[in-house]
Amino acid sequence: MNYLVIEGYKSAAEKLSQEAGIPPNIDLASIEDRMKIRTAVQSGHIDEAIERVNDLDPEILDNNPKLYFHLQQQKLIELIRAGKLAEALEFAQEELAPRGEENPEFLVELERTMALLAFEDQKSSPVGDLLGHLQRQKTASELNSAILTAQCQDKEPKLPTLIRMMTWAQNQLDERVSYPKMTNFVTAELEIPSTPASTS
């Protein structure tokens, strides 16, 4: 259930809750709100995402200046991507530069983002990764984690951690004993060790 809730699979979480008789530990409607916010960021609609977050819980951005800066930085990236260079410069001067003066870490990120303006072919530039989908995903994930924290939920799903722990445990056991080893985590297929034939 934890994985489905964190990753935003509302209908799957509802179905699991019904079929397993497990009451959800969160209002499943809140998943939909988070996914709308995530989709807005991943689509480059940063103002919409900020508005939705503030409607959900205004303290999330008020109490997290780094997250708010990253959202504003993403907005700047979207302006540059759209070719609105004059608007991007004005936005950077009015909204981001003051934050950069307050925090040197923000200034470094702002300078890196502004470097996009120095290149004619921005996507092929040394900072072209800022225009990629992974940058939007990174910002969306950071925002999703902050929302989950504000809702007193886990920020990271437990399932990937459990799989890593199981893989590590199996690797440790491989050196010491013979045991039924899980060979496929998707289907839970086990490899049963053959027992040696007894000699009489």
N, C-alpha and C. Protein backbone atom coordinates (compact mmCIF):
# COMPACT_ATOMS: atom_id res chain seq x y z
N MET A 1 0.84 -1.18 0.00
CA MET A 1 0.00 0.00 0.00
C MET A 1 0.89 1.25 0.00
N ASN A 2 1.94 1.20 0.80
CA ASN A 2 2.87 2.33 0.94
C ASN A 2 3.39 2.79 -0.43
N TYR A 3 3.84 1.85 -1.24
CA TYR A 3 4.39 2.18 -2.56
C TYR A 3 3.33 2.83 -3.43
N LEU A 4 2.13 2.28 -3.45
CA LEU A 4 1.05 2.80 -4.29
C LEU A 4 0.66 4.21 -3.89
N VAL A 5 0.60 4.47 -2.60
CA VAL A 5 0.23 5.80 -2.11
C VAL A 5 1.30 6.82 -2.47
N ILE A 6 2.55 6.50 -2.19
CA ILE A 6 3.65 7.45 -2.44
C ILE A 6 3.81 7.74 -3.92
N GLU A 7 3.70 6.71 -4.75
CA GLU A 7 3.90 6.90 -6.18
C GLU A 7 2.66 7.41 -6.90
N GLY A 8 1.54 7.51 -6.17
CA GLY A 8 0.35 8.15 -6.73
C GLY A 8 -0.60 7.25 -7.48
N TYR A 9 -0.58 5.96 -7.21
CA TYR A 9 -1.48 5.03 -7.88
C TYR A 9 -2.76 4.88 -7.06
N LYS A 10 -3.63 5.89 -7.16
CA LYS A 10 -4.82 5.95 -6.33
C LYS A 10 -5.75 4.76 -6.55
N SER A 11 -6.08 4.46 -7.80
CA SER A 11 -7.04 3.38 -8.07
C SER A 11 -6.48 2.03 -7.62
N ALA A 12 -5.20 1.81 -7.80
CA ALA A 12 -4.59 0.56 -7.35
C ALA A 12 -4.60 0.49 -5.82
N ALA A 13 -4.35 1.61 -5.15
CA ALA A 13 -4.39 1.64 -3.68
C ALA A 13 -5.80 1.36 -3.18
N GLU A 14 -6.80 1.94 -3.86
CA GLU A 14 -8.20 1.69 -3.47
C GLU A 14 -8.54 0.21 -3.64
N LYS A 15 -8.13 -0.36 -4.77
CA LYS A 15 -8.43 -1.76 -5.07
C LYS A 15 -7.76 -2.68 -4.04
N LEU A 16 -6.49 -2.42 -3.74
CA LEU A 16 -5.77 -3.22 -2.74
C LEU A 16 -6.45 -3.11 -1.38
N SER A 17 -6.84 -1.91 -1.02
CA SER A 17 -7.51 -1.67 0.26
C SER A 17 -8.79 -2.50 0.35
N GLN A 18 -9.57 -2.51 -0.72
CA GLN A 18 -10.84 -3.26 -0.75
C GLN A 18 -10.58 -4.77 -0.71
N GLU A 19 -9.70 -5.24 -1.59
CA GLU A 19 -9.48 -6.68 -1.72
C GLU A 19 -8.79 -7.29 -0.50
N ALA A 20 -7.86 -6.56 0.09
CA ALA A 20 -7.11 -7.09 1.23
C ALA A 20 -7.76 -6.74 2.57
N GLY A 21 -8.76 -5.87 2.51
CA GLY A 21 -9.40 -5.46 3.76
C GLY A 21 -8.49 -4.62 4.63
N ILE A 22 -7.57 -3.92 3.99
CA ILE A 22 -6.62 -3.07 4.71
C ILE A 22 -7.10 -1.63 4.61
N PRO A 23 -7.45 -1.02 5.73
CA PRO A 23 -7.87 0.38 5.63
C PRO A 23 -6.66 1.26 5.30
N PRO A 24 -6.81 2.20 4.38
CA PRO A 24 -5.67 3.07 4.04
C PRO A 24 -5.37 3.99 5.22
N ASN A 25 -4.09 4.30 5.38
CA ASN A 25 -3.68 5.19 6.47
C ASN A 25 -3.63 6.65 6.03
N ILE A 26 -4.26 6.93 4.89
CA ILE A 26 -4.29 8.28 4.34
C ILE A 26 -5.59 8.44 3.56
N ASP A 27 -6.05 9.67 3.48
CA ASP A 27 -7.21 9.96 2.64
C ASP A 27 -6.76 9.79 1.19
N LEU A 28 -7.31 8.78 0.52
CA LEU A 28 -6.87 8.47 -0.83
C LEU A 28 -7.16 9.60 -1.82
N ALA A 29 -8.10 10.49 -1.49
CA ALA A 29 -8.37 11.64 -2.36
C ALA A 29 -7.17 12.58 -2.41
N SER A 30 -6.36 12.59 -1.35
CA SER A 30 -5.18 13.46 -1.33
C SER A 30 -4.14 13.02 -2.37
N ILE A 31 -4.18 11.73 -2.75
CA ILE A 31 -3.27 11.24 -3.78
C ILE A 31 -3.54 11.98 -5.08
N GLU A 32 -4.80 12.15 -5.40
CA GLU A 32 -5.17 12.83 -6.64
C GLU A 32 -4.65 14.27 -6.65
N ASP A 33 -4.75 14.96 -5.52
CA ASP A 33 -4.23 16.33 -5.43
C ASP A 33 -2.73 16.35 -5.69
N ARG A 34 -2.00 15.43 -5.07
CA ARG A 34 -0.55 15.37 -5.27
C ARG A 34 -0.20 15.07 -6.72
N MET A 35 -0.96 14.19 -7.35
CA MET A 35 -0.65 13.82 -8.74
C MET A 35 -0.94 14.98 -9.69
N LYS A 36 -1.95 15.77 -9.40
CA LYS A 36 -2.21 16.96 -10.23
C LYS A 36 -1.06 17.95 -10.11
N ILE A 37 -0.53 18.09 -8.92
CA ILE A 37 0.61 18.98 -8.69
C ILE A 37 1.84 18.44 -9.41
N ARG A 38 2.09 17.15 -9.27
CA ARG A 38 3.25 16.53 -9.93
C ARG A 38 3.15 16.68 -11.45
N THR A 39 1.95 16.43 -11.99
CA THR A 39 1.74 16.55 -13.43
C THR A 39 1.97 17.97 -13.91
N ALA A 40 1.53 18.95 -13.11
CA ALA A 40 1.73 20.35 -13.48
C ALA A 40 3.23 20.66 -13.59
N VAL A 41 4.02 20.21 -12.62
CA VAL A 41 5.47 20.46 -12.67
C VAL A 41 6.09 19.73 -13.85
N GLN A 42 5.72 18.47 -14.06
CA GLN A 42 6.31 17.69 -15.14
C GLN A 42 5.91 18.23 -16.52
N SER A 43 4.82 18.99 -16.56
CA SER A 43 4.38 19.60 -17.83
C SER A 43 4.92 21.02 -17.99
N GLY A 44 5.64 21.51 -16.97
CA GLY A 44 6.21 22.84 -17.05
C GLY A 44 5.27 23.95 -16.61
N HIS A 45 4.15 23.62 -15.99
CA HIS A 45 3.18 24.61 -15.52
C HIS A 45 3.43 24.90 -14.03
N ILE A 46 4.47 25.66 -13.78
CA ILE A 46 4.95 25.86 -12.42
C ILE A 46 4.00 26.74 -11.61
N ASP A 47 3.46 27.80 -12.21
CA ASP A 47 2.52 28.65 -11.48
C ASP A 47 1.30 27.85 -11.02
N GLU A 48 0.80 26.97 -11.89
CA GLU A 48 -0.33 26.12 -11.52
C GLU A 48 0.04 25.21 -10.35
N ALA A 49 1.24 24.64 -10.39
CA ALA A 49 1.69 23.76 -9.31
C ALA A 49 1.78 24.52 -7.99
N ILE A 50 2.35 25.73 -8.03
CA ILE A 50 2.48 26.53 -6.82
C ILE A 50 1.10 26.87 -6.27
N GLU A 51 0.19 27.24 -7.15
CA GLU A 51 -1.18 27.57 -6.72
C GLU A 51 -1.85 26.35 -6.07
N ARG A 52 -1.70 25.20 -6.67
CA ARG A 52 -2.31 23.97 -6.12
C ARG A 52 -1.69 23.61 -4.77
N VAL A 53 -0.37 23.76 -4.64
CA VAL A 53 0.28 23.47 -3.35
C VAL A 53 -0.25 24.42 -2.29
N ASN A 54 -0.35 25.69 -2.62
CA ASN A 54 -0.85 26.66 -1.65
C ASN A 54 -2.30 26.40 -1.28
N ASP A 55 -3.09 25.91 -2.23
CA ASP A 55 -4.47 25.53 -1.91
C ASP A 55 -4.50 24.33 -0.97
N LEU A 56 -3.59 23.40 -1.19
CA LEU A 56 -3.52 22.18 -0.37
C LEU A 56 -3.01 22.49 1.03
N ASP A 57 -1.90 23.23 1.12
CA ASP A 57 -1.30 23.58 2.41
C ASP A 57 -0.27 24.68 2.19
N PRO A 58 -0.65 25.95 2.47
CA PRO A 58 0.26 27.07 2.21
C PRO A 58 1.57 27.01 2.99
N GLU A 59 1.60 26.27 4.08
CA GLU A 59 2.81 26.22 4.90
C GLU A 59 3.93 25.42 4.23
N ILE A 60 3.58 24.56 3.28
CA ILE A 60 4.60 23.72 2.64
C ILE A 60 5.68 24.60 2.01
N LEU A 61 5.29 25.59 1.24
CA LEU A 61 6.28 26.45 0.58
C LEU A 61 6.80 27.53 1.53
N ASP A 62 5.96 27.97 2.46
CA ASP A 62 6.40 28.99 3.43
C ASP A 62 7.53 28.45 4.30
N ASN A 63 7.47 27.17 4.64
CA ASN A 63 8.45 26.58 5.55
C ASN A 63 9.62 25.91 4.84
N ASN A 64 9.64 25.98 3.52
CA ASN A 64 10.69 25.30 2.77
C ASN A 64 11.24 26.22 1.68
N PRO A 65 12.11 27.17 2.06
CA PRO A 65 12.63 28.12 1.07
C PRO A 65 13.43 27.46 -0.06
N LYS A 66 14.09 26.36 0.23
CA LYS A 66 14.87 25.68 -0.81
C LYS A 66 13.93 25.11 -1.88
N LEU A 67 12.85 24.50 -1.45
CA LEU A 67 11.87 23.97 -2.39
C LEU A 67 11.25 25.10 -3.20
N TYR A 68 10.89 26.19 -2.53
CA TYR A 68 10.29 27.31 -3.25
C TYR A 68 11.27 27.87 -4.28
N PHE A 69 12.55 27.96 -3.91
CA PHE A 69 13.56 28.42 -4.86
C PHE A 69 13.62 27.48 -6.06
N HIS A 70 13.61 26.18 -5.81
CA HIS A 70 13.69 25.22 -6.92
C HIS A 70 12.47 25.32 -7.84
N LEU A 71 11.31 25.60 -7.28
CA LEU A 71 10.13 25.81 -8.13
C LEU A 71 10.30 27.07 -8.98
N GLN A 72 10.81 28.13 -8.36
CA GLN A 72 11.04 29.38 -9.09
C GLN A 72 12.14 29.18 -10.14
N GLN A 73 13.15 28.42 -9.78
CA GLN A 73 14.21 28.11 -10.75
C GLN A 73 13.62 27.34 -11.93
N GLN A 74 12.71 26.41 -11.65
CA GLN A 74 12.08 25.65 -12.73
C GLN A 74 11.23 26.56 -13.60
N LYS A 75 10.58 27.54 -12.98
CA LYS A 75 9.80 28.51 -13.76
C LYS A 75 10.73 29.29 -14.70
N LEU A 76 11.88 29.68 -14.20
CA LEU A 76 12.87 30.38 -15.03
C LEU A 76 13.30 29.49 -16.20
N ILE A 77 13.55 28.23 -15.92
CA ILE A 77 13.94 27.29 -16.97
C ILE A 77 12.84 27.19 -18.02
N GLU A 78 11.59 27.16 -17.58
CA GLU A 78 10.47 27.06 -18.53
C GLU A 78 10.36 28.31 -19.39
N LEU A 79 10.65 29.48 -18.82
CA LEU A 79 10.64 30.72 -19.60
C LEU A 79 11.73 30.68 -20.66
N ILE A 80 12.90 30.21 -20.28
CA ILE A 80 14.01 30.10 -21.22
C ILE A 80 13.67 29.08 -22.32
N ARG A 81 13.10 27.96 -21.92
CA ARG A 81 12.71 26.92 -22.88
C ARG A 81 11.72 27.48 -23.91
N ALA A 82 10.82 28.35 -23.45
CA ALA A 82 9.79 28.93 -24.33
C ALA A 82 10.33 30.08 -25.17
N GLY A 83 11.60 30.45 -24.97
CA GLY A 83 12.19 31.54 -25.75
C GLY A 83 11.79 32.92 -25.26
N LYS A 84 11.23 33.00 -24.07
CA LYS A 84 10.82 34.29 -23.49
C LYS A 84 11.98 34.85 -22.68
N LEU A 85 13.03 35.27 -23.41
CA LEU A 85 14.28 35.64 -22.76
C LEU A 85 14.18 36.92 -21.95
N ALA A 86 13.48 37.92 -22.48
CA ALA A 86 13.34 39.18 -21.73
C ALA A 86 12.56 38.94 -20.44
N GLU A 87 11.51 38.14 -20.54
CA GLU A 87 10.71 37.82 -19.35
C GLU A 87 11.53 36.99 -18.36
N ALA A 88 12.37 36.10 -18.89
CA ALA A 88 13.23 35.28 -18.04
C ALA A 88 14.22 36.15 -17.28
N LEU A 89 14.84 37.11 -17.95
CA LEU A 89 15.79 38.01 -17.29
C LEU A 89 15.12 38.83 -16.19
N GLU A 90 13.95 39.36 -16.51
CA GLU A 90 13.21 40.16 -15.53
C GLU A 90 12.82 39.31 -14.33
N PHE A 91 12.34 38.10 -14.59
CA PHE A 91 11.94 37.20 -13.52
C PHE A 91 13.15 36.85 -12.63
N ALA A 92 14.28 36.56 -13.26
CA ALA A 92 15.49 36.22 -12.50
C ALA A 92 15.93 37.39 -11.62
N GLN A 93 15.89 38.60 -12.16
CA GLN A 93 16.31 39.78 -11.39
C GLN A 93 15.38 40.05 -10.22
N GLU A 94 14.07 39.96 -10.47
CA GLU A 94 13.11 40.34 -9.43
C GLU A 94 12.86 39.25 -8.40
N GLU A 95 12.81 38.00 -8.85
CA GLU A 95 12.41 36.91 -7.94
C GLU A 95 13.57 36.08 -7.41
N LEU A 96 14.53 35.76 -8.27
CA LEU A 96 15.57 34.82 -7.87
C LEU A 96 16.85 35.46 -7.36
N ALA A 97 17.24 36.58 -7.95
CA ALA A 97 18.49 37.23 -7.51
C ALA A 97 18.47 37.58 -6.02
N PRO A 98 17.38 38.15 -5.49
CA PRO A 98 17.37 38.43 -4.04
C PRO A 98 17.54 37.17 -3.19
N ARG A 99 16.99 36.07 -3.63
CA ARG A 99 17.15 34.81 -2.88
C ARG A 99 18.59 34.31 -2.98
N GLY A 100 19.21 34.53 -4.13
CA GLY A 100 20.60 34.14 -4.31
C GLY A 100 21.54 34.93 -3.43
N GLU A 101 21.21 36.19 -3.19
CA GLU A 101 22.03 37.02 -2.30
C GLU A 101 21.92 36.54 -0.85
N GLU A 102 20.76 36.01 -0.50
CA GLU A 102 20.55 35.53 0.87
C GLU A 102 21.22 34.17 1.11
N ASN A 103 21.32 33.38 0.05
CA ASN A 103 21.83 32.03 0.21
C ASN A 103 22.80 31.70 -0.93
N PRO A 104 24.08 31.53 -0.61
CA PRO A 104 25.09 31.25 -1.65
C PRO A 104 24.80 29.99 -2.46
N GLU A 105 24.18 28.99 -1.84
CA GLU A 105 23.83 27.76 -2.57
C GLU A 105 22.84 28.08 -3.70
N PHE A 106 21.89 28.95 -3.41
CA PHE A 106 20.91 29.35 -4.43
C PHE A 106 21.60 30.13 -5.55
N LEU A 107 22.57 30.94 -5.19
CA LEU A 107 23.27 31.76 -6.18
C LEU A 107 23.98 30.89 -7.20
N VAL A 108 24.62 29.82 -6.73
CA VAL A 108 25.32 28.90 -7.64
C VAL A 108 24.31 28.27 -8.62
N GLU A 109 23.16 27.85 -8.11
CA GLU A 109 22.14 27.24 -8.96
C GLU A 109 21.56 28.26 -9.94
N LEU A 110 21.38 29.48 -9.48
CA LEU A 110 20.86 30.54 -10.35
C LEU A 110 21.86 30.85 -11.47
N GLU A 111 23.13 30.95 -11.13
CA GLU A 111 24.16 31.23 -12.15
C GLU A 111 24.19 30.11 -13.19
N ARG A 112 24.06 28.88 -12.73
CA ARG A 112 24.06 27.75 -13.66
C ARG A 112 22.85 27.83 -14.60
N THR A 113 21.70 28.20 -14.06
CA THR A 113 20.50 28.32 -14.88
C THR A 113 20.63 29.48 -15.86
N MET A 114 21.16 30.60 -15.40
CA MET A 114 21.31 31.77 -16.26
C MET A 114 22.32 31.51 -17.38
N ALA A 115 23.22 30.56 -17.16
CA ALA A 115 24.19 30.21 -18.19
C ALA A 115 23.51 29.70 -19.46
N LEU A 116 22.30 29.21 -19.34
CA LEU A 116 21.56 28.76 -20.53
C LEU A 116 21.42 29.88 -21.55
N LEU A 117 21.33 31.12 -21.06
CA LEU A 117 21.14 32.27 -21.95
C LEU A 117 22.37 32.58 -22.80
N ALA A 118 23.51 32.06 -22.38
CA ALA A 118 24.76 32.35 -23.09
C ALA A 118 24.95 31.48 -24.34
N PHE A 119 24.10 30.49 -24.51
CA PHE A 119 24.28 29.55 -25.62
C PHE A 119 23.13 29.64 -26.61
N GLU A 120 23.51 29.61 -27.89
CA GLU A 120 22.50 29.63 -28.94
C GLU A 120 21.76 28.30 -28.97
N ASP A 121 22.52 27.20 -28.90
CA ASP A 121 21.92 25.87 -28.85
C ASP A 121 21.94 25.42 -27.39
N GLN A 122 20.92 25.81 -26.67
CA GLN A 122 20.88 25.60 -25.22
C GLN A 122 20.87 24.13 -24.83
N LYS A 123 20.18 23.30 -25.60
CA LYS A 123 20.08 21.88 -25.24
C LYS A 123 21.43 21.17 -25.34
N SER A 124 22.30 21.61 -26.23
CA SER A 124 23.61 20.99 -26.38
C SER A 124 24.67 21.66 -25.51
N SER A 125 24.29 22.66 -24.77
CA SER A 125 25.25 23.40 -23.94
C SER A 125 25.66 22.57 -22.72
N PRO A 126 26.73 22.97 -22.03
CA PRO A 126 27.17 22.25 -20.84
C PRO A 126 26.12 22.22 -19.72
N VAL A 127 25.15 23.12 -19.79
CA VAL A 127 24.07 23.14 -18.78
C VAL A 127 22.74 22.74 -19.40
N GLY A 128 22.80 22.12 -20.56
CA GLY A 128 21.59 21.72 -21.28
C GLY A 128 20.73 20.71 -20.54
N ASP A 129 21.32 20.01 -19.56
CA ASP A 129 20.55 19.04 -18.78
C ASP A 129 19.38 19.70 -18.03
N LEU A 130 19.51 21.01 -17.77
CA LEU A 130 18.44 21.74 -17.08
C LEU A 130 17.15 21.77 -17.92
N LEU A 131 17.28 21.63 -19.22
CA LEU A 131 16.12 21.65 -20.11
C LEU A 131 15.52 20.27 -20.31
N GLY A 132 16.15 19.26 -19.76
CA GLY A 132 15.68 17.89 -19.94
C GLY A 132 14.54 17.52 -19.00
N HIS A 133 13.92 16.40 -19.31
CA HIS A 133 12.80 15.91 -18.51
C HIS A 133 13.23 15.57 -17.09
N LEU A 134 14.47 15.12 -16.92
CA LEU A 134 14.94 14.74 -15.59
C LEU A 134 14.94 15.92 -14.62
N GLN A 135 15.18 17.13 -15.12
CA GLN A 135 15.15 18.31 -14.26
C GLN A 135 13.73 18.53 -13.73
N ARG A 136 12.75 18.43 -14.61
CA ARG A 136 11.35 18.57 -14.17
C ARG A 136 11.00 17.47 -13.17
N GLN A 137 11.45 16.26 -13.46
CA GLN A 137 11.17 15.12 -12.58
C GLN A 137 11.78 15.34 -11.21
N LYS A 138 13.00 15.84 -11.17
CA LYS A 138 13.69 16.11 -9.91
C LYS A 138 12.90 17.12 -9.07
N THR A 139 12.44 18.19 -9.71
CA THR A 139 11.67 19.21 -9.01
C THR A 139 10.33 18.64 -8.54
N ALA A 140 9.68 17.86 -9.39
CA ALA A 140 8.39 17.26 -9.03
C ALA A 140 8.55 16.29 -7.86
N SER A 141 9.62 15.52 -7.85
CA SER A 141 9.86 14.57 -6.76
C SER A 141 10.13 15.28 -5.44
N GLU A 142 10.90 16.36 -5.51
CA GLU A 142 11.18 17.14 -4.30
C GLU A 142 9.89 17.71 -3.73
N LEU A 143 9.03 18.22 -4.60
CA LEU A 143 7.75 18.78 -4.17
C LEU A 143 6.85 17.68 -3.61
N ASN A 144 6.79 16.53 -4.28
CA ASN A 144 5.99 15.41 -3.80
C ASN A 144 6.43 14.97 -2.41
N SER A 145 7.73 14.90 -2.18
CA SER A 145 8.26 14.52 -0.87
C SER A 145 7.85 15.52 0.21
N ALA A 146 7.89 16.80 -0.14
CA ALA A 146 7.51 17.84 0.83
C ALA A 146 6.03 17.74 1.19
N ILE A 147 5.20 17.45 0.20
CA ILE A 147 3.76 17.30 0.46
C ILE A 147 3.53 16.08 1.35
N LEU A 148 4.18 14.97 1.04
CA LEU A 148 4.04 13.76 1.86
C LEU A 148 4.49 14.01 3.29
N THR A 149 5.59 14.74 3.47
CA THR A 149 6.07 15.06 4.80
C THR A 149 5.04 15.91 5.55
N ALA A 150 4.46 16.89 4.87
CA ALA A 150 3.44 17.74 5.50
C ALA A 150 2.21 16.94 5.89
N GLN A 151 1.95 15.84 5.17
CA GLN A 151 0.80 14.98 5.47
C GLN A 151 1.18 13.83 6.41
N CYS A 152 2.39 13.93 7.00
CA CYS A 152 2.89 12.91 7.94
C CYS A 152 2.95 11.52 7.30
N GLN A 153 3.36 11.47 6.04
CA GLN A 153 3.52 10.21 5.31
C GLN A 153 4.99 9.98 5.02
N ASP A 154 5.33 8.74 4.70
CA ASP A 154 6.70 8.43 4.27
C ASP A 154 6.98 9.15 2.96
N LYS A 155 8.23 9.63 2.81
CA LYS A 155 8.62 10.31 1.57
C LYS A 155 9.05 9.33 0.50
N GLU A 156 9.56 8.20 0.92
CA GLU A 156 10.09 7.20 -0.01
C GLU A 156 9.33 5.90 0.17
N PRO A 157 9.01 5.22 -0.92
CA PRO A 157 8.35 3.92 -0.78
C PRO A 157 9.27 2.90 -0.14
N LYS A 158 8.70 2.01 0.64
CA LYS A 158 9.49 0.99 1.34
C LYS A 158 9.87 -0.17 0.43
N LEU A 159 9.09 -0.43 -0.60
CA LEU A 159 9.31 -1.60 -1.46
C LEU A 159 10.70 -1.63 -2.09
N PRO A 160 11.20 -0.56 -2.72
CA PRO A 160 12.55 -0.63 -3.30
C PRO A 160 13.63 -0.92 -2.25
N THR A 161 13.46 -0.36 -1.05
CA THR A 161 14.43 -0.62 0.02
C THR A 161 14.39 -2.08 0.44
N LEU A 162 13.18 -2.63 0.55
CA LEU A 162 13.05 -4.04 0.92
C LEU A 162 13.68 -4.95 -0.14
N ILE A 163 13.51 -4.61 -1.41
CA ILE A 163 14.10 -5.43 -2.47
C ILE A 163 15.63 -5.35 -2.42
N ARG A 164 16.17 -4.15 -2.18
CA ARG A 164 17.63 -4.02 -2.05
C ARG A 164 18.14 -4.84 -0.86
N MET A 165 17.40 -4.79 0.25
CA MET A 165 17.81 -5.56 1.44
C MET A 165 17.75 -7.06 1.16
N MET A 166 16.73 -7.49 0.46
CA MET A 166 16.59 -8.91 0.15
C MET A 166 17.71 -9.37 -0.78
N THR A 167 18.04 -8.54 -1.78
CA THR A 167 19.13 -8.87 -2.69
C THR A 167 20.44 -8.98 -1.93
N TRP A 168 20.70 -8.04 -1.04
CA TRP A 168 21.91 -8.07 -0.23
C TRP A 168 21.95 -9.34 0.63
N ALA A 169 20.82 -9.67 1.28
CA ALA A 169 20.77 -10.85 2.15
C ALA A 169 21.03 -12.12 1.34
N GLN A 170 20.44 -12.19 0.15
CA GLN A 170 20.66 -13.38 -0.69
C GLN A 170 22.12 -13.48 -1.10
N ASN A 171 22.74 -12.36 -1.42
CA ASN A 171 24.17 -12.37 -1.79
C ASN A 171 25.02 -12.86 -0.62
N GLN A 172 24.67 -12.45 0.59
CA GLN A 172 25.41 -12.91 1.77
C GLN A 172 25.21 -14.41 1.98
N LEU A 173 23.97 -14.88 1.81
CA LEU A 173 23.66 -16.29 2.00
C LEU A 173 24.32 -17.16 0.92
N ASP A 174 24.43 -16.64 -0.31
CA ASP A 174 25.03 -17.41 -1.41
C ASP A 174 26.41 -17.93 -1.04
N GLU A 175 27.13 -17.18 -0.23
CA GLU A 175 28.49 -17.56 0.15
C GLU A 175 28.53 -18.63 1.24
N ARG A 176 27.37 -18.85 1.90
CA ARG A 176 27.40 -19.71 3.09
C ARG A 176 26.54 -20.97 3.01
N VAL A 177 25.35 -20.86 2.45
CA VAL A 177 24.41 -21.99 2.52
C VAL A 177 23.64 -22.15 1.23
N SER A 178 22.96 -23.27 1.15
CA SER A 178 22.05 -23.53 0.05
C SER A 178 20.63 -23.26 0.58
N TYR A 179 19.84 -22.55 -0.17
CA TYR A 179 18.52 -22.13 0.30
C TYR A 179 17.62 -21.85 -0.91
N PRO A 180 16.31 -21.78 -0.72
CA PRO A 180 15.42 -21.39 -1.82
C PRO A 180 15.62 -19.91 -2.14
N LYS A 181 16.22 -19.65 -3.29
CA LYS A 181 16.58 -18.28 -3.66
C LYS A 181 15.53 -17.68 -4.60
N MET A 182 15.12 -16.45 -4.32
CA MET A 182 14.17 -15.77 -5.20
C MET A 182 14.95 -15.26 -6.42
N THR A 183 14.56 -15.75 -7.58
CA THR A 183 15.26 -15.38 -8.81
C THR A 183 14.53 -14.32 -9.61
N ASN A 184 13.25 -14.13 -9.31
CA ASN A 184 12.47 -13.13 -10.03
C ASN A 184 11.59 -12.40 -9.01
N PHE A 185 11.90 -11.14 -8.75
CA PHE A 185 11.17 -10.37 -7.75
C PHE A 185 9.77 -9.98 -8.22
N VAL A 186 9.53 -9.98 -9.51
CA VAL A 186 8.22 -9.62 -10.04
C VAL A 186 7.23 -10.75 -9.84
N THR A 187 7.67 -11.98 -10.13
CA THR A 187 6.78 -13.13 -10.03
C THR A 187 6.99 -13.92 -8.74
N ALA A 188 7.99 -13.55 -7.96
CA ALA A 188 8.36 -14.25 -6.72
C ALA A 188 8.76 -15.70 -7.00
N GLU A 189 9.36 -15.92 -8.15
CA GLU A 189 9.81 -17.26 -8.54
C GLU A 189 11.02 -17.65 -7.70
N LEU A 190 10.95 -18.87 -7.17
CA LEU A 190 12.03 -19.36 -6.33
C LEU A 190 12.83 -20.43 -7.07
N GLU A 191 14.10 -20.45 -6.78
CA GLU A 191 14.97 -21.52 -7.28
C GLU A 191 15.26 -22.42 -6.08
N ILE A 192 14.72 -23.63 -6.15
CA ILE A 192 14.91 -24.57 -5.04
C ILE A 192 16.20 -25.34 -5.28
N PRO A 193 17.09 -25.35 -4.31
CA PRO A 193 18.35 -26.08 -4.52
C PRO A 193 18.09 -27.58 -4.57
N SER A 194 18.85 -28.23 -5.42
CA SER A 194 18.70 -29.69 -5.52
C SER A 194 19.37 -30.33 -4.32
N THR A 195 18.75 -31.36 -3.83
CA THR A 195 19.33 -32.04 -2.68
C THR A 195 20.23 -33.15 -3.20
N PRO A 196 21.39 -33.30 -2.63
CA PRO A 196 22.31 -34.33 -3.11
C PRO A 196 21.70 -35.72 -2.85
N ALA A 197 21.94 -36.62 -3.78
CA ALA A 197 21.44 -38.00 -3.64
C ALA A 197 22.18 -38.69 -2.50
N SER A 198 21.42 -39.43 -1.74
CA SER A 198 22.05 -40.10 -0.60
C SER A 198 22.74 -41.37 -1.10
N THR A 199 23.86 -41.67 -0.48
CA THR A 199 24.60 -42.87 -0.84
C THR A 199 24.37 -43.93 0.22
N SER A 200 24.14 -45.17 -0.21
CA SER A 200 23.91 -46.20 0.78
C SER A 200 25.03 -47.18 0.84
